PDB file of N, CA and C in Angstrom:
ATOM      1  N   MET A   1     -17.291  27.361 -35.609  1.00  0.00           N
ATOM      2  CA  MET A   1     -15.927  27.120 -35.231  1.00  0.00           C
ATOM      3  C   MET A   1     -15.014  27.717 -36.277  1.00  0.00           C
ATOM      4  N   LYS A   2     -13.755  27.933 -35.916  1.00  0.00           N
ATOM      5  CA  LYS A   2     -12.785  28.524 -36.823  1.00  0.00           C
ATOM      6  C   LYS A   2     -12.293  27.477 -37.815  1.00  0.00           C
ATOM      7  N   ALA A   3     -12.179  27.893 -39.075  1.00  0.00           N
ATOM      8  CA  ALA A   3     -11.709  27.016 -40.144  1.00  0.00           C
ATOM      9  C   ALA A   3     -10.811  27.837 -41.065  1.00  0.00           C
ATOM     10  N   LEU A   4     -10.171  27.162 -42.011  1.00  0.00           N
ATOM     11  CA  LEU A   4      -9.233  27.805 -42.912  1.00  0.00           C
ATOM     12  C   LEU A   4      -9.750  27.721 -44.341  1.00  0.00           C
ATOM     13  N   GLU A   5      -9.936  28.890 -44.948  1.00  0.00           N
ATOM     14  CA  GLU A   5     -10.306  28.954 -46.360  1.00  0.00           C
ATOM     15  C   GLU A   5      -9.033  29.273 -47.144  1.00  0.00           C
ATOM     16  N   VAL A   6      -8.754  28.475 -48.164  1.00  0.00           N
ATOM     17  CA  VAL A   6      -7.523  28.648 -48.938  1.00  0.00           C
ATOM     18  C   VAL A   6      -7.889  29.017 -50.373  1.00  0.00           C
ATOM     19  N   SER A   7      -7.184  30.037 -50.885  1.00  0.00           N
ATOM     20  CA  SER A   7      -7.362  30.473 -52.269  1.00  0.00           C
ATOM     21  C   SER A   7      -6.022  30.417 -52.987  1.00  0.00           C
ATOM     22  N   ILE A   8      -6.073  30.095 -54.269  1.00  0.00           N
ATOM     23  CA  ILE A   8      -4.900  30.175 -55.138  1.00  0.00           C
ATOM     24  C   ILE A   8      -5.274  31.086 -56.293  1.00  0.00           C
ATOM     25  N   ASP A   9      -4.476  32.124 -56.476  1.00  0.00           N
ATOM     26  CA  ASP A   9      -4.724  33.131 -57.502  1.00  0.00           C
ATOM     27  C   ASP A   9      -6.147  33.678 -57.419  1.00  0.00           C
ATOM     28  N   GLY A  10      -6.620  33.894 -56.194  1.00  0.00           N
ATOM     29  CA  GLY A  10      -7.930  34.500 -55.969  1.00  0.00           C
ATOM     30  C   GLY A  10      -9.110  33.550 -56.043  1.00  0.00           C
ATOM     31  N   LYS A  11      -8.894  32.284 -56.377  1.00  0.00           N
ATOM     32  CA  LYS A  11      -9.977  31.302 -56.476  1.00  0.00           C
ATOM     33  C   LYS A  11      -9.939  30.389 -55.257  1.00  0.00           C
ATOM     34  N   VAL A  12     -11.057  30.304 -54.538  1.00  0.00           N
ATOM     35  CA  VAL A  12     -11.125  29.427 -53.358  1.00  0.00           C
ATOM     36  C   VAL A  12     -11.000  27.983 -53.813  1.00  0.00           C
ATOM     37  N   ILE A  13     -10.022  27.290 -53.232  1.00  0.00           N
ATOM     38  CA  ILE A  13      -9.819  25.872 -53.574  1.00  0.00           C
ATOM     39  C   ILE A  13     -10.361  24.939 -52.507  1.00  0.00           C
ATOM     40  N   GLY A  14     -10.672  25.481 -51.326  1.00  0.00           N
ATOM     41  CA  GLY A  14     -11.224  24.615 -50.286  1.00  0.00           C
ATOM     42  C   GLY A  14     -11.328  25.292 -48.942  1.00  0.00           C
ATOM     43  N   VAL A  15     -12.189  24.712 -48.123  1.00  0.00           N
ATOM     44  CA  VAL A  15     -12.340  25.109 -46.721  1.00  0.00           C
ATOM     45  C   VAL A  15     -11.967  23.884 -45.896  1.00  0.00           C
ATOM     46  N   TYR A  16     -11.038  24.082 -44.964  1.00  0.00           N
ATOM     47  CA  TYR A  16     -10.494  22.985 -44.181  1.00  0.00           C
ATOM     48  C   TYR A  16     -10.921  23.179 -42.730  1.00  0.00           C
ATOM     49  N   VAL A  17     -11.774  22.264 -42.266  1.00  0.00           N
ATOM     50  CA  VAL A  17     -12.417  22.383 -40.957  1.00  0.00           C
ATOM     51  C   VAL A  17     -11.847  21.306 -40.032  1.00  0.00           C
ATOM     52  N   PRO A  18     -11.279  21.716 -38.893  1.00  0.00           N
ATOM     53  CA  PRO A  18     -10.741  20.724 -37.966  1.00  0.00           C
ATOM     54  C   PRO A  18     -11.867  19.952 -37.282  1.00  0.00           C
ATOM     55  N   PRO A  19     -11.534  18.866 -36.605  1.00  0.00           N
ATOM     56  CA  PRO A  19     -12.548  18.171 -35.808  1.00  0.00           C
ATOM     57  C   PRO A  19     -13.151  19.144 -34.793  1.00  0.00           C
ATOM     58  N   ASP A  20     -14.369  18.890 -34.399  1.00  0.00           N
ATOM     59  CA  ASP A  20     -15.086  19.766 -33.471  1.00  0.00           C
ATOM     60  C   ASP A  20     -14.251  20.074 -32.230  1.00  0.00           C
ATOM     61  N   GLY A  21     -14.013  21.362 -31.988  1.00  0.00           N
ATOM     62  CA  GLY A  21     -13.291  21.797 -30.808  1.00  0.00           C
ATOM     63  C   GLY A  21     -11.782  21.732 -30.917  1.00  0.00           C
ATOM     64  N   GLN A  22     -11.252  21.366 -32.068  1.00  0.00           N
ATOM     65  CA  GLN A  22      -9.802  21.217 -32.235  1.00  0.00           C
ATOM     66  C   GLN A  22      -9.222  22.383 -33.031  1.00  0.00           C
ATOM     67  N   VAL A  23      -7.913  22.400 -33.175  1.00  0.00           N
ATOM     68  CA  VAL A  23      -7.201  23.461 -33.874  1.00  0.00           C
ATOM     69  C   VAL A  23      -6.650  22.920 -35.194  1.00  0.00           C
ATOM     70  N   PHE A  24      -6.116  23.822 -36.014  1.00  0.00           N
ATOM     71  CA  PHE A  24      -5.464  23.409 -37.249  1.00  0.00           C
ATOM     72  C   PHE A  24      -4.162  24.176 -37.403  1.00  0.00           C
ATOM     73  N   GLY A  25      -3.310  23.680 -38.279  1.00  0.00           N
ATOM     74  CA  GLY A  25      -2.063  24.356 -38.612  1.00  0.00           C
ATOM     75  C   GLY A  25      -1.836  24.231 -40.102  1.00  0.00           C
ATOM     76  N   ALA A  26      -1.107  25.184 -40.672  1.00  0.00           N
ATOM     77  CA  ALA A  26      -0.778  25.133 -42.096  1.00  0.00           C
ATOM     78  C   ALA A  26       0.732  25.245 -42.244  1.00  0.00           C
ATOM     79  N   MET A  27       1.265  24.537 -43.212  1.00  0.00           N
ATOM     80  CA  MET A  27       2.704  24.546 -43.467  1.00  0.00           C
ATOM     81  C   MET A  27       2.901  24.712 -44.971  1.00  0.00           C
ATOM     82  N   VAL A  28       3.806  25.628 -45.343  1.00  0.00           N
ATOM     83  CA  VAL A  28       4.107  25.875 -46.747  1.00  0.00           C
ATOM     84  C   VAL A  28       5.604  25.745 -46.936  1.00  0.00           C
ATOM     85  N   GLY A  29       6.032  25.060 -47.984  1.00  0.00           N
ATOM     86  CA  GLY A  29       7.458  24.915 -48.244  1.00  0.00           C
ATOM     87  C   GLY A  29       7.742  24.760 -49.722  1.00  0.00           C
ATOM     88  N   ASN A  30       8.944  25.115 -50.116  1.00  0.00           N
ATOM     89  CA  ASN A  30       9.324  24.958 -51.524  1.00  0.00           C
ATOM     90  C   ASN A  30      10.135  23.676 -51.708  1.00  0.00           C
ATOM     91  N   ILE A  31       9.526  22.610 -51.306  1.00  0.00           N
ATOM     92  CA  ILE A  31      10.162  21.303 -51.410  1.00  0.00           C
ATOM     93  C   ILE A  31       9.489  20.590 -52.578  1.00  0.00           C
ATOM     94  N   PRO A  32      10.168  20.155 -53.556  1.00  0.00           N
ATOM     95  CA  PRO A  32      11.598  19.916 -53.737  1.00  0.00           C
ATOM     96  C   PRO A  32      12.339  21.033 -54.491  1.00  0.00           C
ATOM     97  N   ARG A  33      12.079  22.254 -54.183  1.00  0.00           N
ATOM     98  CA  ARG A  33      12.764  23.444 -54.695  1.00  0.00           C
ATOM     99  C   ARG A  33      12.291  23.903 -56.057  1.00  0.00           C
ATOM    100  N   THR A  34      11.469  23.164 -56.752  1.00  0.00           N
ATOM    101  CA  THR A  34      11.004  23.599 -58.065  1.00  0.00           C
ATOM    102  C   THR A  34       9.568  24.124 -58.024  1.00  0.00           C
ATOM    103  N   TYR A  35       8.866  23.876 -56.955  1.00  0.00           N
ATOM    104  CA  TYR A  35       7.510  24.374 -56.766  1.00  0.00           C
ATOM    105  C   TYR A  35       7.244  24.449 -55.278  1.00  0.00           C
ATOM    106  N   MET A  36       6.098  24.972 -54.913  1.00  0.00           N
ATOM    107  CA  MET A  36       5.753  25.098 -53.494  1.00  0.00           C
ATOM    108  C   MET A  36       4.585  24.158 -53.190  1.00  0.00           C
ATOM    109  N   ARG A  37       4.627  23.584 -52.022  1.00  0.00           N
ATOM    110  CA  ARG A  37       3.569  22.672 -51.583  1.00  0.00           C
ATOM    111  C   ARG A  37       3.093  23.131 -50.217  1.00  0.00           C
ATOM    112  N   ALA A  38       1.795  23.009 -49.980  1.00  0.00           N
ATOM    113  CA  ALA A  38       1.210  23.401 -48.700  1.00  0.00           C
ATOM    114  C   ALA A  38       0.392  22.242 -48.137  1.00  0.00           C
ATOM    115  N   HIS A  39       0.406  22.153 -46.812  1.00  0.00           N
ATOM    116  CA  HIS A  39      -0.372  21.137 -46.099  1.00  0.00           C
ATOM    117  C   HIS A  39      -1.149  21.821 -44.986  1.00  0.00           C
ATOM    118  N   VAL A  40      -2.314  21.281 -44.676  1.00  0.00           N
ATOM    119  CA  VAL A  40      -3.086  21.695 -43.510  1.00  0.00           C
ATOM    120  C   VAL A  40      -3.185  20.459 -42.627  1.00  0.00           C
ATOM    121  N   MET A  41      -2.928  20.652 -41.333  1.00  0.00           N
ATOM    122  CA  MET A  41      -2.942  19.540 -40.392  1.00  0.00           C
ATOM    123  C   MET A  41      -3.888  19.835 -39.228  1.00  0.00           C
ATOM    124  N   SER A  42      -4.506  18.792 -38.716  1.00  0.00           N
ATOM    125  CA  SER A  42      -5.369  18.898 -37.546  1.00  0.00           C
ATOM    126  C   SER A  42      -5.487  17.513 -36.939  1.00  0.00           C
ATOM    127  N   GLY A  43      -6.404  17.368 -36.014  1.00  0.00           N
ATOM    128  CA  GLY A  43      -6.635  16.051 -35.450  1.00  0.00           C
ATOM    129  C   GLY A  43      -7.141  16.106 -34.027  1.00  0.00           C
ATOM    130  N   THR A  44      -7.201  14.944 -33.439  1.00  0.00           N
ATOM    131  CA  THR A  44      -7.655  14.771 -32.063  1.00  0.00           C
ATOM    132  C   THR A  44      -6.605  13.928 -31.342  1.00  0.00           C
ATOM    133  N   GLU A  45      -6.888  13.534 -30.128  1.00  0.00           N
ATOM    134  CA  GLU A  45      -5.952  12.663 -29.420  1.00  0.00           C
ATOM    135  C   GLU A  45      -5.939  11.251 -29.997  1.00  0.00           C
ATOM    136  N   THR A  46      -6.932  10.917 -30.816  1.00  0.00           N
ATOM    137  CA  THR A  46      -6.979   9.572 -31.375  1.00  0.00           C
ATOM    138  C   THR A  46      -6.669   9.523 -32.869  1.00  0.00           C
ATOM    139  N   GLU A  47      -6.769  10.664 -33.572  1.00  0.00           N
ATOM    140  CA  GLU A  47      -6.528  10.691 -35.017  1.00  0.00           C
ATOM    141  C   GLU A  47      -5.693  11.908 -35.414  1.00  0.00           C
ATOM    142  N   SER A  48      -4.885  11.725 -36.442  1.00  0.00           N
ATOM    143  CA  SER A  48      -4.137  12.814 -37.053  1.00  0.00           C
ATOM    144  C   SER A  48      -4.705  13.021 -38.452  1.00  0.00           C
ATOM    145  N   TRP A  49      -5.082  14.275 -38.773  1.00  0.00           N
ATOM    146  CA  TRP A  49      -5.679  14.590 -40.074  1.00  0.00           C
ATOM    147  C   TRP A  49      -4.703  15.413 -40.892  1.00  0.00           C
ATOM    148  N   GLN A  50      -4.703  15.209 -42.218  1.00  0.00           N
ATOM    149  CA  GLN A  50      -3.850  16.012 -43.091  1.00  0.00           C
ATOM    150  C   GLN A  50      -4.498  16.173 -44.455  1.00  0.00           C
ATOM    151  N   TRP A  51      -4.342  17.384 -44.988  1.00  0.00           N
ATOM    152  CA  TRP A  51      -4.760  17.707 -46.341  1.00  0.00           C
ATOM    153  C   TRP A  51      -3.533  18.205 -47.101  1.00  0.00           C
ATOM    154  N   GLN A  52      -3.302  17.714 -48.313  1.00  0.00           N
ATOM    155  CA  GLN A  52      -2.248  18.248 -49.172  1.00  0.00           C
ATOM    156  C   GLN A  52      -2.915  19.122 -50.209  1.00  0.00           C
ATOM    157  N   LEU A  53      -2.492  20.381 -50.287  1.00  0.00           N
ATOM    158  CA  LEU A  53      -3.071  21.322 -51.230  1.00  0.00           C
ATOM    159  C   LEU A  53      -2.393  21.180 -52.590  1.00  0.00           C
ATOM    160  N   PRO A  54      -3.019  21.714 -53.647  1.00  0.00           N
ATOM    161  CA  PRO A  54      -2.384  21.627 -54.969  1.00  0.00           C
ATOM    162  C   PRO A  54      -1.003  22.302 -54.973  1.00  0.00           C
ATOM    163  N   ASP A  55      -0.096  21.763 -55.773  1.00  0.00           N
ATOM    164  CA  ASP A  55       1.234  22.361 -55.906  1.00  0.00           C
ATOM    165  C   ASP A  55       1.111  23.746 -56.526  1.00  0.00           C
ATOM    166  N   LEU A  56       1.980  24.644 -56.086  1.00  0.00           N
ATOM    167  CA  LEU A  56       1.999  26.014 -56.591  1.00  0.00           C
ATOM    168  C   LEU A  56       3.258  26.239 -57.409  1.00  0.00           C
ATOM    169  N   GLN A  57       3.095  26.873 -58.538  1.00  0.00           N
ATOM    170  CA  GLN A  57       4.222  27.186 -59.401  1.00  0.00           C
ATOM    171  C   GLN A  57       4.650  28.630 -59.170  1.00  0.00           C
ATOM    172  N   GLU A  58       5.836  28.965 -59.607  1.00  0.00           N
ATOM    173  CA  GLU A  58       6.366  30.310 -59.454  1.00  0.00           C
ATOM    174  C   GLU A  58       5.367  31.330 -60.021  1.00  0.00           C
ATOM    175  N   GLY A  59       5.127  32.375 -59.246  1.00  0.00           N
ATOM    176  CA  GLY A  59       4.226  33.439 -59.660  1.00  0.00           C
ATOM    177  C   GLY A  59       2.802  33.278 -59.154  1.00  0.00           C
ATOM    178  N   GLN A  60       2.417  32.076 -58.734  1.00  0.00           N
ATOM    179  CA  GLN A  60       1.078  31.893 -58.191  1.00  0.00           C
ATOM    180  C   GLN A  60       1.017  32.461 -56.775  1.00  0.00           C
ATOM    181  N   VAL A  61      -0.184  32.847 -56.369  1.00  0.00           N
ATOM    182  CA  VAL A  61      -0.396  33.439 -55.050  1.00  0.00           C
ATOM    183  C   VAL A  61      -1.330  32.544 -54.255  1.00  0.00           C
ATOM    184  N   ILE A  62      -0.903  32.162 -53.049  1.00  0.00           N
ATOM    185  CA  ILE A  62      -1.757  31.405 -52.142  1.00  0.00           C
ATOM    186  C   ILE A  62      -2.156  32.333 -51.007  1.00  0.00           C
ATOM    187  N   SER A  63      -3.401  32.260 -50.589  1.00  0.00           N
ATOM    188  CA  SER A  63      -3.840  33.080 -49.458  1.00  0.00           C
ATOM    189  C   SER A  63      -4.688  32.233 -48.528  1.00  0.00           C
ATOM    190  N   PHE A  64      -4.611  32.603 -47.255  1.00  0.00           N
ATOM    191  CA  PHE A  64      -5.319  31.900 -46.187  1.00  0.00           C
ATOM    192  C   PHE A  64      -6.235  32.895 -45.496  1.00  0.00           C
ATOM    193  N   GLN A  65      -7.456  32.465 -45.238  1.00  0.00           N
ATOM    194  CA  GLN A  65      -8.395  33.322 -44.520  1.00  0.00           C
ATOM    195  C   GLN A  65      -9.071  32.514 -43.423  1.00  0.00           C
ATOM    196  N   LEU A  66      -9.078  33.077 -42.226  1.00  0.00           N
ATOM    197  CA  LEU A  66      -9.765  32.452 -41.103  1.00  0.00           C
ATOM    198  C   LEU A  66     -11.251  32.751 -41.231  1.00  0.00           C
ATOM    199  N   ILE A  67     -12.069  31.705 -41.224  1.00  0.00           N
ATOM    200  CA  ILE A  67     -13.511  31.875 -41.372  1.00  0.00           C
ATOM    201  C   ILE A  67     -14.236  31.047 -40.319  1.00  0.00           C
ATOM    202  N   GLU A  68     -15.529  31.244 -40.225  1.00  0.00           N
ATOM    203  CA  GLU A  68     -16.396  30.404 -39.397  1.00  0.00           C
ATOM    204  C   GLU A  68     -16.994  29.313 -40.273  1.00  0.00           C
ATOM    205  N   ALA A  69     -17.023  28.091 -39.780  1.00  0.00           N
ATOM    206  CA  ALA A  69     -17.617  26.970 -40.509  1.00  0.00           C
ATOM    207  C   ALA A  69     -18.213  25.990 -39.511  1.00  0.00           C
ATOM    208  N   GLU A  70     -19.161  25.236 -39.972  1.00  0.00           N
ATOM    209  CA  GLU A  70     -19.793  24.222 -39.133  1.00  0.00           C
ATOM    210  C   GLU A  70     -18.912  22.978 -39.055  1.00  0.00           C
ATOM    211  N   PRO A  71     -18.807  22.357 -37.877  1.00  0.00           N
ATOM    212  CA  PRO A  71     -18.062  21.093 -37.777  1.00  0.00           C
ATOM    213  C   PRO A  71     -18.617  20.077 -38.776  1.00  0.00           C
ATOM    214  N   GLY A  72     -17.737  19.298 -39.366  1.00  0.00           N
ATOM    215  CA  GLY A  72     -18.162  18.262 -40.303  1.00  0.00           C
ATOM    216  C   GLY A  72     -18.355  18.757 -41.725  1.00  0.00           C
ATOM    217  N   THR A  73     -18.130  20.051 -41.979  1.00  0.00           N
ATOM    218  CA  THR A  73     -18.244  20.576 -43.339  1.00  0.00           C
ATOM    219  C   THR A  73     -16.844  20.724 -43.927  1.00  0.00           C
ATOM    220  N   GLY A  74     -16.767  21.210 -45.129  1.00  0.00           N
ATOM    221  CA  GLY A  74     -15.477  21.443 -45.763  1.00  0.00           C
ATOM    222  C   GLY A  74     -14.940  20.200 -46.446  1.00  0.00           C
ATOM    223  N   VAL A  75     -13.706  20.309 -46.901  1.00  0.00           N
ATOM    224  CA  VAL A  75     -13.038  19.224 -47.614  1.00  0.00           C
ATOM    225  C   VAL A  75     -12.668  18.128 -46.618  1.00  0.00           C
ATOM    226  N   PRO A  76     -13.073  16.881 -46.871  1.00  0.00           N
ATOM    227  CA  PRO A  76     -12.677  15.797 -45.954  1.00  0.00           C
ATOM    228  C   PRO A  76     -11.155  15.623 -45.964  1.00  0.00           C
ATOM    229  N   PRO A  77     -10.556  15.229 -44.845  1.00  0.00           N
ATOM    230  CA  PRO A  77      -9.099  15.035 -44.831  1.00  0.00           C
ATOM    231  C   PRO A  77      -8.697  13.938 -45.812  1.00  0.00           C
ATOM    232  N   GLN A  78      -7.554  14.140 -46.456  1.00  0.00           N
ATOM    233  CA  GLN A  78      -7.055  13.137 -47.402  1.00  0.00           C
ATOM    234  C   GLN A  78      -6.354  11.997 -46.678  1.00  0.00           C
ATOM    235  N   TYR A  79      -5.717  12.325 -45.571  1.00  0.00           N
ATOM    236  CA  TYR A  79      -4.981  11.322 -44.812  1.00  0.00           C
ATOM    237  C   TYR A  79      -5.472  11.362 -43.368  1.00  0.00           C
ATOM    238  N   VAL A  80      -5.892  10.216 -42.868  1.00  0.00           N
ATOM    239  CA  VAL A  80      -6.287  10.084 -41.469  1.00  0.00           C
ATOM    240  C   VAL A  80      -5.467   8.940 -40.893  1.00  0.00           C
ATOM    241  N   ARG A  81      -4.733   9.259 -39.830  1.00  0.00           N
ATOM    242  CA  ARG A  81      -3.874   8.246 -39.205  1.00  0.00           C
ATOM    243  C   ARG A  81      -4.295   8.111 -37.749  1.00  0.00           C
ATOM    244  N   ASN A  82      -4.470   6.892 -37.301  1.00  0.00           N
ATOM    245  CA  ASN A  82      -4.743   6.670 -35.885  1.00  0.00           C
ATOM    246  C   ASN A  82      -3.491   7.009 -35.091  1.00  0.00           C
ATOM    247  N   ARG A  83      -3.681   7.683 -33.961  1.00  0.00           N
ATOM    248  CA  ARG A  83      -2.549   8.045 -33.110  1.00  0.00           C
ATOM    249  C   ARG A  83      -2.402   7.019 -32.004  1.00  0.00           C
ATOM    250  N   ASP A  84      -1.168   6.688 -31.703  1.00  0.00           N
ATOM    251  CA  ASP A  84      -0.840   5.737 -30.650  1.00  0.00           C
ATOM    252  C   ASP A  84      -1.001   6.432 -29.298  1.00  0.00           C
ATOM    253  N   PRO A  85      -1.838   5.894 -28.388  1.00  0.00           N
ATOM    254  CA  PRO A  85      -2.029   6.531 -27.080  1.00  0.00           C
ATOM    255  C   PRO A  85      -0.721   6.735 -26.318  1.00  0.00           C
ATOM    256  N   ALA A  86       0.240   5.827 -26.470  1.00  0.00           N
ATOM    257  CA  ALA A  86       1.536   5.994 -25.794  1.00  0.00           C
ATOM    258  C   ALA A  86       2.279   7.201 -26.363  1.00  0.00           C
ATOM    259  N   GLU A  87       2.193   7.397 -27.682  1.00  0.00           N
ATOM    260  CA  GLU A  87       2.820   8.552 -28.318  1.00  0.00           C
ATOM    261  C   GLU A  87       2.200   9.855 -27.799  1.00  0.00           C
ATOM    262  N   VAL A  88       0.876   9.886 -27.690  1.00  0.00           N
ATOM    263  CA  VAL A  88       0.174  11.074 -27.185  1.00  0.00           C
ATOM    264  C   VAL A  88       0.623  11.370 -25.753  1.00  0.00           C
ATOM    265  N   ALA A  89       0.700  10.344 -24.914  1.00  0.00           N
ATOM    266  CA  ALA A  89       1.121  10.530 -23.521  1.00  0.00           C
ATOM    267  C   ALA A  89       2.560  11.040 -23.458  1.00  0.00           C
ATOM    268  N   GLU A  90       3.436  10.505 -24.296  1.00  0.00           N
ATOM    269  CA  GLU A  90       4.833  10.949 -24.301  1.00  0.00           C
ATOM    270  C   GLU A  90       4.938  12.412 -24.738  1.00  0.00           C
ATOM    271  N   ILE A  91       4.199  12.790 -25.772  1.00  0.00           N
ATOM    272  CA  ILE A  91       4.224  14.179 -26.250  1.00  0.00           C
ATOM    273  C   ILE A  91       3.710  15.119 -25.167  1.00  0.00           C
ATOM    274  N   ARG A  92       2.643  14.732 -24.491  1.00  0.00           N
ATOM    275  CA  ARG A  92       2.116  15.562 -23.391  1.00  0.00           C
ATOM    276  C   ARG A  92       3.156  15.729 -22.284  1.00  0.00           C
ATOM    277  N   SER A  93       3.840  14.649 -21.931  1.00  0.00           N
ATOM    278  CA  SER A  93       4.854  14.695 -20.886  1.00  0.00           C
ATOM    279  C   SER A  93       6.014  15.595 -21.295  1.00  0.00           C
ATOM    280  N   LEU A  94       6.495  15.440 -22.524  1.00  0.00           N
ATOM    281  CA  LEU A  94       7.596  16.274 -23.008  1.00  0.00           C
ATOM    282  C   LEU A  94       7.192  17.746 -23.067  1.00  0.00           C
ATOM    283  N   ALA A  95       5.975  18.018 -23.494  1.00  0.00           N
ATOM    284  CA  ALA A  95       5.494  19.398 -23.559  1.00  0.00           C
ATOM    285  C   ALA A  95       5.403  19.999 -22.168  1.00  0.00           C
ATOM    286  N   SER A  96       4.936  19.229 -21.206  1.00  0.00           N
ATOM    287  CA  SER A  96       4.831  19.710 -19.827  1.00  0.00           C
ATOM    288  C   SER A  96       6.211  20.021 -19.260  1.00  0.00           C
ATOM    289  N   GLU A  97       7.176  19.146 -19.516  1.00  0.00           N
ATOM    290  CA  GLU A  97       8.546  19.370 -19.046  1.00  0.00           C
ATOM    291  C   GLU A  97       9.150  20.610 -19.699  1.00  0.00           C
ATOM    292  N   ALA A  98       8.953  20.774 -20.994  1.00  0.00           N
ATOM    293  CA  ALA A  98       9.498  21.934 -21.706  1.00  0.00           C
ATOM    294  C   ALA A  98       8.876  23.226 -21.196  1.00  0.00           C
ATOM    295  N   TYR A  99       7.587  23.204 -20.920  1.00  0.00           N
ATOM    296  CA  TYR A  99       6.912  24.388 -20.398  1.00  0.00           C
ATOM    297  C   TYR A  99       7.454  24.743 -19.017  1.00  0.00           C
ATOM    298  N   ALA A 100       7.600  23.749 -18.162  1.00  0.00           N
ATOM    299  CA  ALA A 100       8.131  23.992 -16.812  1.00  0.00           C
ATOM    300  C   ALA A 100       9.544  24.568 -16.885  1.00  0.00           C
ATOM    301  N   GLN A 101      10.365  24.031 -17.764  1.00  0.00           N
ATOM    302  CA  GLN A 101      11.736  24.538 -17.924  1.00  0.00           C
ATOM    303  C   GLN A 101      11.717  25.982 -18.437  1.00  0.00           C
ATOM    304  N   ALA A 102      10.868  26.283 -19.393  1.00  0.00           N
ATOM    305  CA  ALA A 102      10.779  27.647 -19.927  1.00  0.00           C
ATOM    306  C   ALA A 102      10.340  28.626 -18.846  1.00  0.00           C
ATOM    307  N   MET A 103       9.410  28.212 -17.996  1.00  0.00           N
ATOM    308  CA  MET A 103       8.956  29.093 -16.916  1.00  0.00           C
ATOM    309  C   MET A 103      10.070  29.325 -15.894  1.00  0.00           C
ATOM    310  N   GLN A 104      10.838  28.286 -15.590  1.00  0.00           N
ATOM    311  CA  GLN A 104      11.969  28.438 -14.672  1.00  0.00           C
ATOM    312  C   GLN A 104      13.005  29.395 -15.245  1.00  0.00           C
ATOM    313  N   GLU A 105      13.313  29.257 -16.516  1.00  0.00           N
ATOM    314  CA  GLU A 105      14.282  30.137 -17.160  1.00  0.00           C
ATOM    315  C   GLU A 105      13.781  31.583 -17.195  1.00  0.00           C
ATOM    316  N   ARG A 106      12.504  31.751 -17.460  1.00  0.00           N
ATOM    317  CA  ARG A 106      11.920  33.092 -17.475  1.00  0.00           C
ATOM    318  C   ARG A 106      12.011  33.731 -16.089  1.00  0.00           C
ATOM    319  N   ASP A 107      11.665  32.962 -15.061  1.00  0.00           N
ATOM    320  CA  ASP A 107      11.715  33.480 -13.694  1.00  0.00           C
ATOM    321  C   ASP A 107      13.149  33.813 -13.275  1.00  0.00           C
ATOM    322  N   ALA A 108      14.105  33.015 -13.741  1.00  0.00           N
ATOM    323  CA  ALA A 108      15.511  33.251 -13.396  1.00  0.00           C
ATOM    324  C   ALA A 108      16.032  34.537 -14.049  1.00  0.00           C
ATOM    325  N   GLU A 109      15.517  34.881 -15.218  1.00  0.00           N
ATOM    326  CA  GLU A 109      15.941  36.090 -15.927  1.00  0.00           C
ATOM    327  C   GLU A 109      15.356  37.345 -15.304  1.00  0.00           C
ATOM    328  N   GLY A 110      14.168  37.225 -14.756  1.00  0.00           N
ATOM    329  CA  GLY A 110      13.441  38.400 -14.280  1.00  0.00           C
ATOM    330  C   GLY A 110      13.653  38.686 -12.868  1.00  0.00           C
TER     331      GLY A 110
END
């Protein structure tokens, strides 16, 4: 399965593997403006997973590489939160409505 290998200044700091069959996302920001912080997020319909990567100082280089990894390997998530089934249903409904609206707008333009 696809996983994310993260390096800082050329040194691999971890491999982040989503739950079997799921996707992942990475977010990088310079919050609180004096350094940069990165997070990797994943999860399932029942759990939300998050990893916080080491803080980066000015001049450091972070790189991401898509690799193959076995499910259940890599760095365990630092934060696991149970997801509320009602929240999941609401997000699915909102996403479906937004998609339908986008398709209508696209068809109206073309």
